[in-house]
C-alpha atoms as a PDB file:
ATOM      1  CA  MET A   1     -21.024  25.033 -18.156  1.00  0.00           C
ATOM      2  CA  HIS A   2     -23.516  26.753 -20.421  1.00  0.00           C
ATOM      3  CA  ASN A   3     -24.077  30.354 -21.388  1.00  0.00           C
ATOM      4  CA  ASP A   4     -26.978  31.582 -19.299  1.00  0.00           C
ATOM      5  CA  PRO A   5     -28.736  34.498 -21.047  1.00  0.00           C
ATOM      6  CA  GLN A   6     -29.972  35.748 -17.687  1.00  0.00           C
ATOM      7  CA  VAL A   7     -26.404  36.005 -16.361  1.00  0.00           C
ATOM      8  CA  ILE A   8     -25.286  37.837 -19.503  1.00  0.00           C
ATOM      9  CA  GLU A   9     -28.140  40.308 -19.125  1.00  0.00           C
ATOM     10  CA  LEU A  10     -27.476  40.847 -15.412  1.00  0.00           C
ATOM     11  CA  VAL A  11     -23.777  41.486 -16.002  1.00  0.00           C
ATOM     12  CA  LYS A  12     -24.518  44.023 -18.708  1.00  0.00           C
ATOM     13  CA  ARG A  13     -27.078  45.814 -16.535  1.00  0.00           C
ATOM     14  CA  ALA A  14     -24.712  45.765 -13.560  1.00  0.00           C
ATOM     15  CA  GLY A  15     -22.037  47.299 -15.761  1.00  0.00           C
ATOM     16  CA  ASP A  16     -24.494  50.091 -16.477  1.00  0.00           C
ATOM     17  CA  GLY A  17     -24.837  50.691 -12.750  1.00  0.00           C
ATOM     18  CA  GLU A  18     -28.288  49.148 -12.252  1.00  0.00           C
ATOM     19  CA  GLU A  19     -28.622  48.402  -8.536  1.00  0.00           C
ATOM     20  CA  SER A  20     -31.282  45.710  -8.951  1.00  0.00           C
ATOM     21  CA  ALA A  21     -28.930  43.790 -11.268  1.00  0.00           C
ATOM     22  CA  TRP A  22     -26.171  43.891  -8.646  1.00  0.00           C
ATOM     23  CA  ASP A  23     -28.640  42.672  -6.019  1.00  0.00           C
ATOM     24  CA  ALA A  24     -29.647  39.797  -8.290  1.00  0.00           C
ATOM     25  CA  LEU A  25     -26.022  38.797  -8.901  1.00  0.00           C
ATOM     26  CA  VAL A  26     -25.244  38.841  -5.186  1.00  0.00           C
ATOM     27  CA  GLU A  27     -28.340  36.748  -4.467  1.00  0.00           C
ATOM     28  CA  ARG A  28     -27.478  34.282  -7.215  1.00  0.00           C
ATOM     29  CA  TYR A  29     -23.793  33.735  -6.419  1.00  0.00           C
ATOM     30  CA  SER A  30     -23.378  34.320  -2.668  1.00  0.00           C
ATOM     31  CA  THR A  31     -23.754  30.585  -2.050  1.00  0.00           C
ATOM     32  CA  LEU A  32     -20.968  29.855  -4.533  1.00  0.00           C
ATOM     33  CA  ILE A  33     -18.548  32.262  -2.834  1.00  0.00           C
ATOM     34  CA  TRP A  34     -19.358  30.957   0.648  1.00  0.00           C
ATOM     35  CA  SER A  35     -18.967  27.338  -0.461  1.00  0.00           C
ATOM     36  CA  ILE A  36     -15.428  28.088  -1.635  1.00  0.00           C
ATOM     37  CA  CYS A  37     -14.650  29.879   1.631  1.00  0.00           C
ATOM     38  CA  ARG A  38     -15.833  26.799   3.537  1.00  0.00           C
ATOM     39  CA  ARG A  39     -13.627  24.607   1.354  1.00  0.00           C
ATOM     40  CA  TYR A  40     -10.668  26.758   2.430  1.00  0.00           C
ATOM     41  CA  GLU A  41     -11.838  26.396   6.062  1.00  0.00           C
ATOM     42  CA  LEU A  42     -12.009  30.148   6.658  1.00  0.00           C
ATOM     43  CA  ASN A  43     -13.681  31.459   9.785  1.00  0.00           C
ATOM     44  CA  ARG A  44     -16.727  33.704   9.436  1.00  0.00           C
ATOM     45  CA  ALA A  45     -14.795  36.972   9.695  1.00  0.00           C
ATOM     46  CA  ASP A  46     -12.292  35.928   7.024  1.00  0.00           C
ATOM     47  CA  ALA A  47     -15.074  34.598   4.789  1.00  0.00           C
ATOM     48  CA  GLU A  48     -16.883  37.927   5.044  1.00  0.00           C
ATOM     49  CA  ASP A  49     -13.637  39.715   4.179  1.00  0.00           C
ATOM     50  CA  VAL A  50     -13.166  37.500   1.133  1.00  0.00           C
ATOM     51  CA  THR A  51     -16.770  37.973   0.030  1.00  0.00           C
ATOM     52  CA  GLN A  52     -16.525  41.749   0.267  1.00  0.00           C
ATOM     53  CA  ALA A  53     -13.229  41.768  -1.628  1.00  0.00           C
ATOM     54  CA  VAL A  54     -14.634  39.600  -4.427  1.00  0.00           C
ATOM     55  CA  TRP A  55     -17.629  41.874  -4.992  1.00  0.00           C
ATOM     56  CA  LEU A  56     -15.418  44.971  -4.868  1.00  0.00           C
ATOM     57  CA  HIS A  57     -13.162  43.441  -7.520  1.00  0.00           C
ATOM     58  CA  LEU A  58     -16.213  42.748  -9.669  1.00  0.00           C
ATOM     59  CA  VAL A  59     -17.370  46.348  -9.327  1.00  0.00           C
ATOM     60  CA  LYS A  60     -13.920  47.400 -10.534  1.00  0.00           C
ATOM     61  CA  TYR A  61     -13.615  44.920 -13.400  1.00  0.00           C
ATOM     62  CA  VAL A  62     -17.195  44.259 -14.549  1.00  0.00           C
ATOM     63  CA  ASP A  63     -16.693  46.445 -17.618  1.00  0.00           C
ATOM     64  CA  SER A  64     -13.503  44.535 -18.481  1.00  0.00           C
ATOM     65  CA  LEU A  65     -15.093  41.075 -18.713  1.00  0.00           C
ATOM     66  CA  ARG A  66     -14.928  40.123 -22.401  1.00  0.00           C
ATOM     67  CA  GLU A  67     -17.414  37.291 -21.871  1.00  0.00           C
ATOM     68  CA  PRO A  68     -20.227  38.188 -19.417  1.00  0.00           C
ATOM     69  CA  ALA A  69     -21.389  34.544 -19.439  1.00  0.00           C
ATOM     70  CA  ALA A  70     -18.034  33.597 -17.870  1.00  0.00           C
ATOM     71  CA  LEU A  71     -18.825  35.517 -14.681  1.00  0.00           C
ATOM     72  CA  PRO A  72     -19.270  32.342 -12.533  1.00  0.00           C
ATOM     73  CA  GLY A  73     -15.783  31.155 -13.468  1.00  0.00           C
ATOM     74  CA  TRP A  74     -14.376  34.619 -12.786  1.00  0.00           C
ATOM     75  CA  LEU A  75     -15.964  34.517  -9.326  1.00  0.00           C
ATOM     76  CA  VAL A  76     -14.489  31.071  -8.628  1.00  0.00           C
ATOM     77  CA  THR A  77     -10.988  32.153  -9.641  1.00  0.00           C
ATOM     78  CA  THR A  78     -11.172  35.461  -7.775  1.00  0.00           C
ATOM     79  CA  THR A  79     -12.613  33.876  -4.630  1.00  0.00           C
ATOM     80  CA  ARG A  80      -9.841  31.277  -4.535  1.00  0.00           C
ATOM     81  CA  ARG A  81      -7.231  33.988  -4.949  1.00  0.00           C
ATOM     82  CA  GLU A  82      -8.763  35.997  -2.117  1.00  0.00           C
ATOM     83  CA  CYS A  83      -8.961  32.911   0.118  1.00  0.00           C
ATOM     84  CA  ASN A  84      -5.254  32.329  -0.459  1.00  0.00           C
ATOM     85  CA  ARG A  85      -4.566  35.997   0.259  1.00  0.00           C
ATOM     86  CA  VAL A  86      -6.315  35.714   3.621  1.00  0.00           C
ATOM     87  CA  ARG A  87      -4.545  32.478   4.512  1.00  0.00           C
ATOM     88  CA  GLN A  88      -1.126  33.530   3.209  1.00  0.00           C
ATOM     89  CA  PRO A  89      -1.124  37.322   3.135  1.00  0.00           C
ATOM     90  CA  ARG A  90       2.571  37.632   2.295  1.00  0.00           C
ATOM     91  CA  CYS A  91       2.437  35.251  -0.625  1.00  0.00           C
ATOM     92  CA  GLN A  92      -0.398  36.782  -2.607  1.00  0.00           C
ATOM     93  CA  PRO A  93      -0.711  40.077  -4.506  1.00  0.00           C
ATOM     94  CA  ALA A  94      -2.973  42.674  -2.941  1.00  0.00           C
ATOM     95  CA  ASP A  95      -4.856  43.365  -6.164  1.00  0.00           C
ATOM     96  CA  VAL A  96      -6.189  41.362  -9.075  1.00  0.00           C
ATOM     97  CA  GLN A  97      -4.820  42.276 -12.490  1.00  0.00           C
ATOM     98  CA  ILE A  98      -7.222  42.208 -15.429  1.00  0.00           C
ATOM     99  CA  SER A  99      -5.137  39.629 -17.283  1.00  0.00           C
ATOM    100  CA  GLU A 100      -5.220  37.382 -14.228  1.00  0.00           C
ATOM    101  CA  ALA A 101      -8.910  37.963 -13.621  1.00  0.00           C
ATOM    102  CA  GLU A 102      -9.731  36.739 -17.108  1.00  0.00           C
ATOM    103  CA  ASN A 103      -7.733  33.544 -16.672  1.00  0.00           C
ATOM    104  CA  LEU A 104     -10.869  31.683 -15.649  1.00  0.00           C
ATOM    105  CA  TRP A 105      -9.864  28.045 -15.591  1.00  0.00           C
ATOM    106  CA  ASP A 106      -6.958  26.384 -13.833  1.00  0.00           C
ATOM    107  CA  ASP A 107      -5.915  22.874 -12.868  1.00  0.00           C
ATOM    108  CA  GLN A 108      -8.912  22.664 -10.513  1.00  0.00           C
ATOM    109  CA  ALA A 109     -11.502  23.259 -13.236  1.00  0.00           C
ATOM    110  CA  ALA A 110     -13.403  20.103 -12.315  1.00  0.00           C
ATOM    111  CA  THR A 111     -13.834  21.376  -8.752  1.00  0.00           C
ATOM    112  CA  ALA A 112     -14.977  24.720 -10.094  1.00  0.00           C
ATOM    113  CA  ASP A 113     -17.597  22.973 -12.215  1.00  0.00           C
ATOM    114  CA  ASP A 114     -18.884  21.156  -9.131  1.00  0.00           C
ATOM    115  CA  GLU A 115     -19.069  24.384  -7.153  1.00  0.00           C
ATOM    116  CA  LEU A 116     -20.902  26.176  -9.950  1.00  0.00           C
ATOM    117  CA  LEU A 117     -23.371  23.328 -10.329  1.00  0.00           C
ATOM    118  CA  MET A 118     -24.026  23.377  -6.590  1.00  0.00           C
ATOM    119  CA  ALA A 119     -24.610  27.124  -6.679  1.00  0.00           C
ATOM    120  CA  GLU A 120     -27.019  26.761  -9.608  1.00  0.00           C
ATOM    121  CA  ARG A 121     -28.927  24.046  -7.770  1.00  0.00           C
ATOM    122  CA  HIS A 122     -29.184  26.121  -4.605  1.00  0.00           C
ATOM    123  CA  ALA A 123     -30.347  29.186  -6.518  1.00  0.00           C
ATOM    124  CA  ALA A 124     -32.967  27.211  -8.442  1.00  0.00           C
ATOM    125  CA  LEU A 125     -34.213  25.463  -5.318  1.00  0.00           C
ATOM    126  CA  ARG A 126     -34.419  28.722  -3.367  1.00  0.00           C
ATOM    127  CA  GLU A 127     -36.348  30.402  -6.193  1.00  0.00           C
ATOM    128  CA  ALA A 128     -38.782  27.490  -6.537  1.00  0.00           C
ATOM    129  CA  PHE A 129     -39.275  27.114  -2.779  1.00  0.00           C
ATOM    130  CA  MET A 130     -40.104  30.801  -2.294  1.00  0.00           C
ATOM    131  CA  GLU A 131     -42.879  30.525  -4.871  1.00  0.00           C
ATOM    132  CA  LEU A 132     -44.575  27.557  -3.191  1.00  0.00           C
ATOM    133  CA  PRO A 133     -47.777  28.186  -1.218  1.00  0.00           C
ATOM    134  CA  ALA A 134     -47.160  29.017   2.439  1.00  0.00           C
ATOM    135  CA  ASN A 135     -48.533  25.667   3.613  1.00  0.00           C
ATOM    136  CA  CYS A 136     -46.058  23.794   1.381  1.00  0.00           C
ATOM    137  CA  GLN A 137     -43.166  25.925   2.612  1.00  0.00           C
ATOM    138  CA  GLN A 138     -44.095  25.217   6.224  1.00  0.00           C
ATOM    139  CA  LEU A 139     -44.536  21.492   5.648  1.00  0.00           C
ATOM    140  CA  LEU A 140     -41.295  20.986   3.720  1.00  0.00           C
ATOM    141  CA  SER A 141     -39.362  23.107   6.212  1.00  0.00           C
ATOM    142  CA  LEU A 142     -40.551  20.925   9.088  1.00  0.00           C
ATOM    143  CA  LEU A 143     -39.832  17.725   7.154  1.00  0.00           C
ATOM    144  CA  THR A 144     -36.237  18.756   6.429  1.00  0.00           C
ATOM    145  CA  THR A 145     -35.164  19.828   9.911  1.00  0.00           C
ATOM    146  CA  ASP A 146     -32.221  18.119  11.566  1.00  0.00           C
ATOM    147  CA  PRO A 147     -33.182  16.071  13.485  1.00  0.00           C
ATOM    148  CA  PRO A 148     -36.471  15.397  11.637  1.00  0.00           C
ATOM    149  CA  THR A 149     -39.619  16.809  13.231  1.00  0.00           C
ATOM    150  CA  PRO A 150     -41.935  13.974  14.359  1.00  0.00           C
ATOM    151  CA  TYR A 151     -45.147  13.589  12.377  1.00  0.00           C
ATOM    152  CA  ALA A 152     -47.178  14.090  15.543  1.00  0.00           C
ATOM    153  CA  GLU A 153     -45.585  17.499  16.094  1.00  0.00           C
ATOM    154  CA  ILE A 154     -46.060  18.464  12.442  1.00  0.00           C
ATOM    155  CA  SER A 155     -49.711  17.459  12.699  1.00  0.00           C
ATOM    156  CA  ALA A 156     -50.205  19.589  15.807  1.00  0.00           C
ATOM    157  CA  ARG A 157     -48.361  22.634  14.458  1.00  0.00           C
ATOM    158  CA  LEU A 158     -50.002  22.655  11.041  1.00  0.00           C
ATOM    159  CA  GLY A 159     -53.407  21.304  12.034  1.00  0.00           C
ATOM    160  CA  MET A 160     -52.955  18.499   9.520  1.00  0.00           C
ATOM    161  CA  PRO A 161     -53.975  14.849  10.089  1.00  0.00           C
ATOM    162  CA  ILE A 162     -50.942  12.569  10.306  1.00  0.00           C
ATOM    163  CA  GLY A 163     -52.264  10.490   7.421  1.00  0.00           C
ATOM    164  CA  SER A 164     -52.304  13.571   5.191  1.00  0.00           C
ATOM    165  CA  ILE A 165     -48.665  14.524   5.729  1.00  0.00           C
ATOM    166  CA  GLY A 166     -47.240  12.028   3.221  1.00  0.00           C
ATOM    167  CA  PRO A 167     -49.679  12.845   0.374  1.00  0.00           C
ATOM    168  CA  ASN A 168     -49.292  16.587   0.971  1.00  0.00           C
ATOM    169  CA  ARG A 169     -45.528  16.236   0.949  1.00  0.00           C
ATOM    170  CA  SER A 170     -45.703  14.441  -2.417  1.00  0.00           C
ATOM    171  CA  ARG A 171     -47.912  17.142  -3.906  1.00  0.00           C
ATOM    172  CA  CYS A 172     -45.611  19.909  -2.652  1.00  0.00           C
ATOM    173  CA  LEU A 173     -42.519  18.185  -4.026  1.00  0.00           C
ATOM    174  CA  GLU A 174     -44.238  17.700  -7.363  1.00  0.00           C
ATOM    175  CA  ARG A 175     -45.019  21.422  -7.503  1.00  0.00           C
ATOM    176  CA  LEU A 176     -41.370  22.082  -6.697  1.00  0.00           C
ATOM    177  CA  ARG A 177     -40.200  19.825  -9.530  1.00  0.00           C
ATOM    178  CA  ARG A 178     -42.554  21.516 -12.012  1.00  0.00           C
ATOM    179  CA  HIS A 179     -41.190  24.995 -11.274  1.00  0.00           C
ATOM    180  CA  PRO A 180     -39.426  26.351 -14.400  1.00  0.00           C
ATOM    181  CA  ALA A 181     -36.102  26.865 -12.575  1.00  0.00           C
ATOM    182  CA  ILE A 182     -36.022  23.257 -11.337  1.00  0.00           C
ATOM    183  CA  ALA A 183     -37.329  21.832 -14.621  1.00  0.00           C
ATOM    184  CA  ALA A 184     -34.636  23.687 -16.571  1.00  0.00           C
ATOM    185  CA  LEU A 185     -31.930  22.393 -14.246  1.00  0.00           C
ATOM    186  CA  ILE A 186     -33.222  18.812 -14.568  1.00  0.00           C
ATOM    187  CA  ASP A 187     -33.283  19.110 -18.364  1.00  0.00           C
ATOM    188  CA  ALA A 188     -29.750  20.530 -18.412  1.00  0.00           C
ATOM    189  CA  GLU A 189     -28.425  17.621 -16.345  1.00  0.00           C
ATOM    190  CA  ALA A 190     -30.340  14.900 -18.204  1.00  0.00           C
ATOM    191  CA  PRO A 191     -28.145  12.625 -20.379  1.00  0.00           C
ATOM    192  CA  ASP A 192     -28.386  13.043 -24.117  1.00  0.00           C
ATOM    193  CA  THR A 193     -30.604  10.215 -25.389  1.00  0.00           C
ATOM    194  CA  ALA A 194     -28.562  10.069 -28.583  1.00  0.00           C
ATOM    195  CA  GLU A 195     -25.517   9.149 -26.545  1.00  0.00           C
ATOM    196  CA  LEU A 196     -27.444   6.296 -24.942  1.00  0.00           C
ATOM    197  CA  SER A 197     -28.432   4.646 -28.237  1.00  0.00           C
ATOM    198  CA  ASP A 198     -27.059   1.225 -29.108  1.00  0.00           C
ATOM    199  CA  PRO A 199     -23.673   1.815 -30.765  1.00  0.00           C
ATOM    200  CA  GLY A 200     -23.993  -1.491 -32.580  1.00  0.00           C
ATOM    201  CA  GLY A 201     -27.418  -0.818 -34.011  1.00  0.00           C
ATOM    202  CA  ASP A 202     -26.151  -0.306 -37.576  1.00  0.00           C
ATOM    203  CA  SER A 203     -24.042  -3.453 -37.635  1.00  0.00           C
END
């Protein structure tokens, strides 16, 4: 995981009590917390309880985080602890100690990385999608329903010839890929070309 300057800035502003920074953090990481709750198979009420507890812990400890960039890992660890508390209330402490809260990585670090990556992807996709033109949002929403919306229905609802749906979809997806949030995520996940060079080239 990389140090995201935006996360560092948001954590610092949240520590100063800026409400908009808290709103941005909640928006950015709610998907991460809920994905962990689903992994623990919590029902909606328990998941909401866990989510509230996690954010309350952050309010309490935000000034104690030595590394603001490590917030995602802190959220993963704290959410797991809260999920265990809900599932096994007698086996878990009622509060999170600072020393424990800063112990970010455990034997499930690989799973945490996957969850963080998923959250980053969802946040980037949501940001890029909301900045698409309304017609692109409508078209892509209809094309990604489950089950898929028939082309004839899409044509009727959007007033778009059936033959234009495919080309319009391609243009909308291309705009999505060019959005800075998506482009940055693609660049971050791209393999290092130096690592792909021929190891025997100097022989």
